[in-house]
Amino acid sequence: MLPCVCWIQLILILLLSILWTQGENCPATCLCPDPHTVDCSGRGLTRLPNEIPLDVRRLLLADNWIPRIPSDFLVLYSDLVYLDLRNNSLSHIEPGTLSTSSRLVFLDLGSNNLTEIPKGTFGESRSLIKLRLGNNPYLSMVNEDAFLGLTSLRELELERNALSTLNVGALSQLPSLRVVRLEGNPWVCNCNFANLFTWLMENNHKLPNGVEGMECSLPMDGRRVSLTQLSKDSFRECQATLTLTDLLIIIFSGISVSVVAIMTSFFLASTVHCFQRWSKGSKGDEEESEE
């Protein structure tokens, strides 16, 4: 019996040692159910905890009041693969927050106060597979190159934001994209929406609810219509519409042609004038020679 008791005591000591070590490395206001998970959800935090273990892999920070993420955050926690920051107070993400060395696979930034997703926000996090950006009521702008370099991204959520338009280049440069959620945005069915509409029709299988779950406002009266009621012909007038860039190119080209024409005319006039003076001088020399 004694050997059995000794083994039991040894096992209990080892378990207590493991639990003590986990508790020692775990932030005071958080829970650590396993050595690589830190759960700080719903703790009323106004900033990221300082005592997060450097080898953390799953970090749960949902339902707090965190206003920002330091740009070097993922450099410190290079083993992090799962980061949940939904329902916080984030208003922007600093460019380069996701470095090229990041192993992050899952990132949830939903239900925050983001206003835009500029170029370089995610660096080139090639390991990222799922990105949640939905339910940001002030998110009205996504840069065309916002997701550049996210070559492994399969699921992108942009539902229920404040997007009235979206440059189709932001989606077409995601080679691994399988699922995209765009419903619940105040889309406007104008010429800026035409290219996105074409992309949606061609990639309808990537929308969980198809285009049936999406609506847009008619520019004439603001009436909401389902995208199923529209077709490419609905935007045929846009094919003859010149954008501001087109108009600037035309104006610049016209000015350039005018300047070239003026310079050419001046050069020809100067040449003619010099030729006339040379001719008069030659005739004068000939008359003097005859006399």
Protein backbone atom coordinates (compact mmCIF):
# COMPACT_ATOMS: atom_id res chain seq x y z
CA MET A 1 0.00 0.00 0.00
CA LEU A 2 2.81 2.39 0.78
CA PRO A 3 4.20 2.46 -2.80
CA CYS A 4 0.70 3.32 -4.09
CA VAL A 5 0.36 6.14 -1.59
CA CYS A 6 3.74 7.50 -2.64
CA TRP A 7 2.76 7.48 -6.31
CA ILE A 8 -0.50 9.27 -5.55
CA GLN A 9 1.33 11.89 -3.52
CA LEU A 10 3.84 12.36 -6.33
CA ILE A 11 1.06 12.83 -8.91
CA LEU A 12 -0.73 15.33 -6.66
CA ILE A 13 2.48 17.30 -6.20
CA LEU A 14 3.05 17.41 -9.95
CA LEU A 15 -0.53 18.58 -10.62
CA LEU A 16 -0.30 21.27 -7.96
CA SER A 17 3.04 22.37 -9.39
CA ILE A 18 1.54 22.70 -12.88
CA LEU A 19 -1.47 24.61 -11.58
CA TRP A 20 0.75 26.90 -9.50
CA THR A 21 2.98 27.62 -12.52
CA GLN A 22 -0.05 28.42 -14.67
CA GLY A 23 -1.44 30.71 -12.01
CA GLU A 24 1.92 32.43 -11.66
CA ASN A 25 2.14 33.26 -15.39
CA CYS A 26 -1.54 34.16 -15.80
CA PRO A 27 -2.60 37.84 -15.58
CA ALA A 28 -4.31 38.60 -12.31
CA THR A 29 -7.68 39.52 -13.82
CA CYS A 30 -7.77 36.67 -16.37
CA LEU A 31 -8.23 32.92 -16.55
CA CYS A 32 -5.75 30.45 -18.05
CA PRO A 33 -7.48 27.11 -18.71
CA ASP A 34 -4.33 25.70 -20.31
CA PRO A 35 -0.67 26.76 -20.61
CA HIS A 36 -1.19 28.48 -23.98
CA THR A 37 -4.60 30.14 -23.50
CA VAL A 38 -5.32 33.44 -21.73
CA ASP A 39 -8.98 34.39 -21.31
CA CYS A 40 -9.54 38.01 -20.30
CA SER A 41 -13.05 38.33 -21.75
CA GLY A 42 -15.52 40.64 -20.02
CA ARG A 43 -13.10 41.95 -17.39
CA GLY A 44 -13.70 45.67 -17.97
CA LEU A 45 -10.15 46.16 -19.26
CA THR A 46 -9.20 49.55 -20.74
CA ARG A 47 -5.83 48.34 -22.06
CA LEU A 48 -4.04 45.12 -22.86
CA PRO A 49 -2.74 43.27 -19.78
CA ASN A 50 1.01 43.54 -19.19
CA GLU A 51 1.51 40.07 -17.74
CA ILE A 52 0.50 38.01 -20.77
CA PRO A 53 2.87 35.01 -21.18
CA LEU A 54 5.10 35.39 -24.24
CA ASP A 55 4.24 31.88 -25.43
CA VAL A 56 0.47 32.49 -25.49
CA ARG A 57 -1.33 31.03 -28.53
CA ARG A 58 -4.97 31.87 -27.82
CA LEU A 59 -5.76 35.31 -26.40
CA LEU A 60 -9.39 36.14 -25.65
CA LEU A 61 -10.03 39.84 -24.99
CA ALA A 62 -13.67 40.22 -26.07
CA ASP A 63 -16.24 42.42 -24.28
CA ASN A 64 -13.84 44.97 -22.79
CA TRP A 65 -13.07 48.69 -23.36
CA ILE A 66 -9.66 48.40 -25.03
CA PRO A 67 -9.12 51.43 -27.34
CA ARG A 68 -5.96 50.44 -29.23
CA ILE A 69 -3.49 47.67 -30.07
CA PRO A 70 0.23 48.57 -29.97
CA SER A 71 1.85 48.25 -33.40
CA ASP A 72 4.52 45.91 -31.99
CA PHE A 73 2.04 43.68 -30.16
CA LEU A 74 2.41 40.60 -32.39
CA VAL A 75 6.18 40.99 -32.44
CA LEU A 76 6.18 40.33 -28.70
CA TYR A 77 3.74 37.40 -28.98
CA SER A 78 5.06 35.65 -32.05
CA ASP A 79 3.35 32.32 -31.19
CA LEU A 80 -0.13 33.86 -31.13
CA VAL A 81 -2.51 32.15 -33.56
CA TYR A 82 -5.96 33.18 -32.20
CA LEU A 83 -6.84 36.74 -31.18
CA ASP A 84 -10.37 37.75 -30.18
CA LEU A 85 -10.87 41.52 -29.73
CA ARG A 86 -14.56 41.79 -30.58
CA ASN A 87 -16.81 44.23 -28.75
CA ASN A 88 -14.13 46.66 -27.58
CA SER A 89 -13.51 50.37 -28.26
CA LEU A 90 -11.02 50.14 -31.12
CA SER A 91 -11.35 53.11 -33.49
CA HIS A 92 -8.36 52.33 -35.70
CA ILE A 93 -5.65 49.75 -36.27
CA GLU A 94 -2.13 51.06 -36.70
CA PRO A 95 -0.49 50.05 -40.02
CA GLY A 96 1.84 47.09 -39.65
CA THR A 97 0.15 45.74 -36.54
CA LEU A 98 0.23 42.34 -38.21
CA SER A 99 3.85 41.76 -39.17
CA THR A 100 5.11 39.41 -41.88
CA SER A 101 6.41 37.07 -39.18
CA SER A 102 3.01 36.77 -37.54
CA ARG A 103 1.52 33.27 -37.15
CA LEU A 104 -1.95 34.64 -36.56
CA VAL A 105 -4.66 32.47 -38.11
CA PHE A 106 -7.84 33.95 -36.58
CA LEU A 107 -8.51 37.65 -35.89
CA ASP A 108 -11.83 39.06 -34.65
CA LEU A 109 -12.19 42.85 -34.70
CA GLY A 110 -15.97 42.84 -34.95
CA SER A 111 -18.31 45.08 -32.94
CA ASN A 112 -15.80 47.90 -32.44
CA ASN A 113 -15.69 51.55 -33.53
CA LEU A 114 -13.44 51.21 -36.58
CA THR A 115 -14.00 53.93 -39.21
CA GLU A 116 -11.70 52.78 -42.00
CA ILE A 117 -9.32 50.02 -43.04
CA PRO A 118 -6.36 51.79 -44.69
CA LYS A 119 -3.59 50.30 -46.77
CA GLY A 120 -1.00 48.40 -44.72
CA THR A 121 -3.32 47.71 -41.77
CA PHE A 122 -2.57 44.00 -41.80
CA GLY A 123 0.93 44.10 -43.22
CA GLU A 124 1.37 40.82 -45.09
CA SER A 125 0.09 38.30 -42.58
CA ARG A 126 0.21 35.34 -44.94
CA SER A 127 -0.99 32.89 -42.28
CA LEU A 128 -4.29 34.67 -41.57
CA ILE A 129 -7.25 32.47 -42.55
CA LYS A 130 -10.28 34.14 -40.95
CA LEU A 131 -10.79 37.89 -40.47
CA ARG A 132 -13.88 39.33 -38.80
CA LEU A 133 -14.59 43.03 -39.32
CA GLY A 134 -18.38 43.03 -39.10
CA ASN A 135 -20.68 45.11 -36.90
CA ASN A 136 -18.51 48.22 -36.92
CA PRO A 137 -21.24 50.87 -37.31
CA TYR A 138 -18.83 53.64 -38.40
CA LEU A 139 -16.73 51.62 -40.85
CA SER A 140 -17.36 53.43 -44.15
CA MET A 141 -14.08 53.04 -46.06
CA VAL A 142 -11.92 50.06 -47.00
CA ASN A 143 -8.81 50.85 -49.03
CA GLU A 144 -8.29 48.91 -52.26
CA ASP A 145 -5.04 47.49 -50.85
CA ALA A 146 -6.28 46.96 -47.29
CA PHE A 147 -5.97 43.17 -47.61
CA LEU A 148 -2.92 43.07 -49.85
CA GLY A 149 -0.66 40.14 -48.96
CA LEU A 150 -3.30 38.08 -47.13
CA THR A 151 -2.76 35.18 -49.50
CA SER A 152 -4.20 32.52 -47.14
CA LEU A 153 -7.36 34.42 -46.15
CA ARG A 154 -10.41 32.20 -46.69
CA GLU A 155 -13.14 33.96 -44.72
CA LEU A 156 -13.75 37.71 -44.63
CA GLU A 157 -16.62 39.27 -42.70
CA LEU A 158 -17.65 42.87 -43.51
CA GLU A 159 -21.34 42.63 -42.72
CA ARG A 160 -23.44 45.30 -41.00
CA ASN A 161 -20.97 48.16 -41.33
CA ALA A 162 -21.44 51.61 -42.91
CA LEU A 163 -20.12 50.74 -46.38
CA SER A 164 -21.93 52.40 -49.28
CA THR A 165 -19.30 51.31 -51.80
CA LEU A 166 -16.27 49.01 -51.95
CA ASN A 167 -13.46 48.91 -54.48
CA VAL A 168 -13.64 45.47 -56.03
CA GLY A 169 -9.83 45.29 -56.02
CA ALA A 170 -9.94 44.74 -52.25
CA LEU A 171 -11.64 41.39 -52.88
CA SER A 172 -10.15 40.29 -56.19
CA GLN A 173 -6.61 40.21 -54.76
CA LEU A 174 -7.53 37.50 -52.22
CA PRO A 175 -6.67 34.25 -54.07
CA SER A 176 -7.81 31.90 -51.27
CA LEU A 177 -11.09 33.64 -50.45
CA ARG A 178 -13.95 31.16 -50.01
CA VAL A 179 -16.50 33.05 -47.90
CA VAL A 180 -17.28 36.78 -47.76
CA ARG A 181 -20.08 38.47 -45.84
CA LEU A 182 -21.24 41.87 -47.07
CA GLU A 183 -24.92 41.98 -46.10
CA GLY A 184 -26.41 44.69 -43.93
CA ASN A 185 -24.41 47.59 -45.40
CA PRO A 186 -26.05 50.76 -46.83
CA TRP A 187 -24.92 50.04 -50.40
CA VAL A 188 -25.83 52.65 -53.03
CA CYS A 189 -26.65 51.40 -56.53
CA ASN A 190 -24.70 54.03 -58.44
CA CYS A 191 -21.84 53.76 -60.92
CA ASN A 192 -19.33 53.26 -58.09
CA PHE A 193 -21.21 50.06 -57.21
CA ALA A 194 -21.25 48.69 -60.78
CA ASN A 195 -17.94 46.79 -60.64
CA LEU A 196 -18.73 45.34 -57.21
CA PHE A 197 -22.12 44.20 -58.49
CA THR A 198 -20.44 42.36 -61.37
CA TRP A 199 -18.02 40.69 -58.94
CA LEU A 200 -20.88 39.64 -56.68
CA MET A 201 -22.75 38.08 -59.57
CA GLU A 202 -19.66 36.12 -60.62
CA ASN A 203 -18.83 35.07 -57.03
CA ASN A 204 -22.33 34.49 -55.71
CA HIS A 205 -21.23 31.11 -54.33
CA LYS A 206 -18.92 32.86 -51.85
CA LEU A 207 -21.81 34.69 -50.18
CA PRO A 208 -23.40 32.58 -47.39
CA ASN A 209 -26.88 33.82 -48.29
CA GLY A 210 -26.16 34.68 -51.92
CA VAL A 211 -27.09 38.09 -53.33
CA GLU A 212 -30.61 37.43 -51.99
CA GLY A 213 -29.39 38.67 -48.63
CA MET A 214 -28.08 42.00 -49.97
CA GLU A 215 -29.85 45.27 -50.76
CA CYS A 216 -28.84 48.67 -52.10
CA SER A 217 -30.42 52.12 -52.33
CA LEU A 218 -31.48 53.58 -55.68
CA PRO A 219 -29.74 56.94 -56.19
CA MET A 220 -32.95 58.61 -57.48
CA ASP A 221 -35.31 58.10 -54.54
CA GLY A 222 -33.28 56.14 -51.96
CA ARG A 223 -35.59 53.15 -52.23
CA ARG A 224 -34.00 49.87 -51.03
CA VAL A 225 -34.08 47.03 -53.52
CA SER A 226 -32.71 43.51 -53.46
CA LEU A 227 -29.74 42.83 -55.70
CA THR A 228 -31.78 40.02 -57.25
CA GLN A 229 -33.90 42.72 -58.90
CA LEU A 230 -30.87 44.19 -60.69
CA SER A 231 -28.76 43.08 -63.65
CA LYS A 232 -25.76 44.36 -65.56
CA ASP A 233 -28.16 46.34 -67.73
CA SER A 234 -29.14 48.32 -64.63
CA PHE A 235 -25.69 49.94 -64.83
CA ARG A 236 -25.38 50.32 -68.62
CA GLU A 237 -25.46 54.14 -68.36
CA CYS A 238 -22.29 53.95 -66.28
CA GLN A 239 -20.33 52.68 -69.28
CA ALA A 240 -20.56 56.11 -70.90
CA THR A 241 -19.96 58.00 -67.68
CA LEU A 242 -16.57 59.63 -67.22
CA THR A 243 -15.01 59.52 -63.78
CA LEU A 244 -13.17 62.45 -62.22
CA THR A 245 -9.88 60.77 -63.14
CA ASP A 246 -10.98 60.48 -66.76
CA LEU A 247 -11.94 64.17 -66.85
CA LEU A 248 -8.60 65.22 -65.34
CA ILE A 249 -6.73 63.13 -67.91
CA ILE A 250 -8.70 64.73 -70.74
CA ILE A 251 -8.10 68.25 -69.38
CA PHE A 252 -4.40 67.59 -68.83
CA SER A 253 -4.07 66.10 -72.30
CA GLY A 254 -5.79 69.13 -73.82
CA ILE A 255 -3.51 71.53 -71.98
CA SER A 256 -0.43 69.52 -73.01
CA VAL A 257 -1.49 69.52 -76.67
CA SER A 258 -2.13 73.26 -76.54
CA VAL A 259 1.30 73.95 -75.02
CA VAL A 260 2.99 71.78 -77.64
CA ALA A 261 1.05 73.53 -80.43
CA ILE A 262 2.05 76.96 -79.13
CA MET A 263 5.71 75.98 -78.85
CA THR A 264 5.66 74.47 -82.34
CA SER A 265 4.05 77.60 -83.79
CA PHE A 266 6.62 79.79 -82.04
CA PHE A 267 9.45 77.64 -83.39
CA LEU A 268 8.08 77.74 -86.95
CA ALA A 269 7.50 81.49 -86.78
CA SER A 270 11.04 82.03 -85.53
CA THR A 271 12.40 79.82 -88.30
CA VAL A 272 10.43 81.67 -90.98
CA HIS A 273 11.51 85.02 -89.59
CA CYS A 274 15.17 84.02 -89.59
CA PHE A 275 14.87 82.64 -93.11
CA GLN A 276 13.33 85.90 -94.32
CA ARG A 277 16.11 87.93 -92.75
CA TRP A 278 18.69 85.62 -94.25
CA SER A 279 17.05 85.95 -97.67
CA LYS A 280 17.02 89.74 -97.47
CA GLY A 281 20.66 89.73 -96.44
CA SER A 282 21.59 87.50 -99.37
CA LYS A 283 19.78 89.74 -101.86
CA GLY A 284 21.50 92.82 -100.45
CA ASP A 285 24.91 91.16 -100.88
CA GLU A 286 24.10 90.22 -104.47
CA GLU A 287 23.01 93.78 -105.35
CA GLU A 288 26.20 95.21 -103.87
CA SER A 289 28.27 92.72 -105.88
CA GLU A 290 26.55 93.71 -109.16
CA GLU A 291 27.21 97.43 -108.56
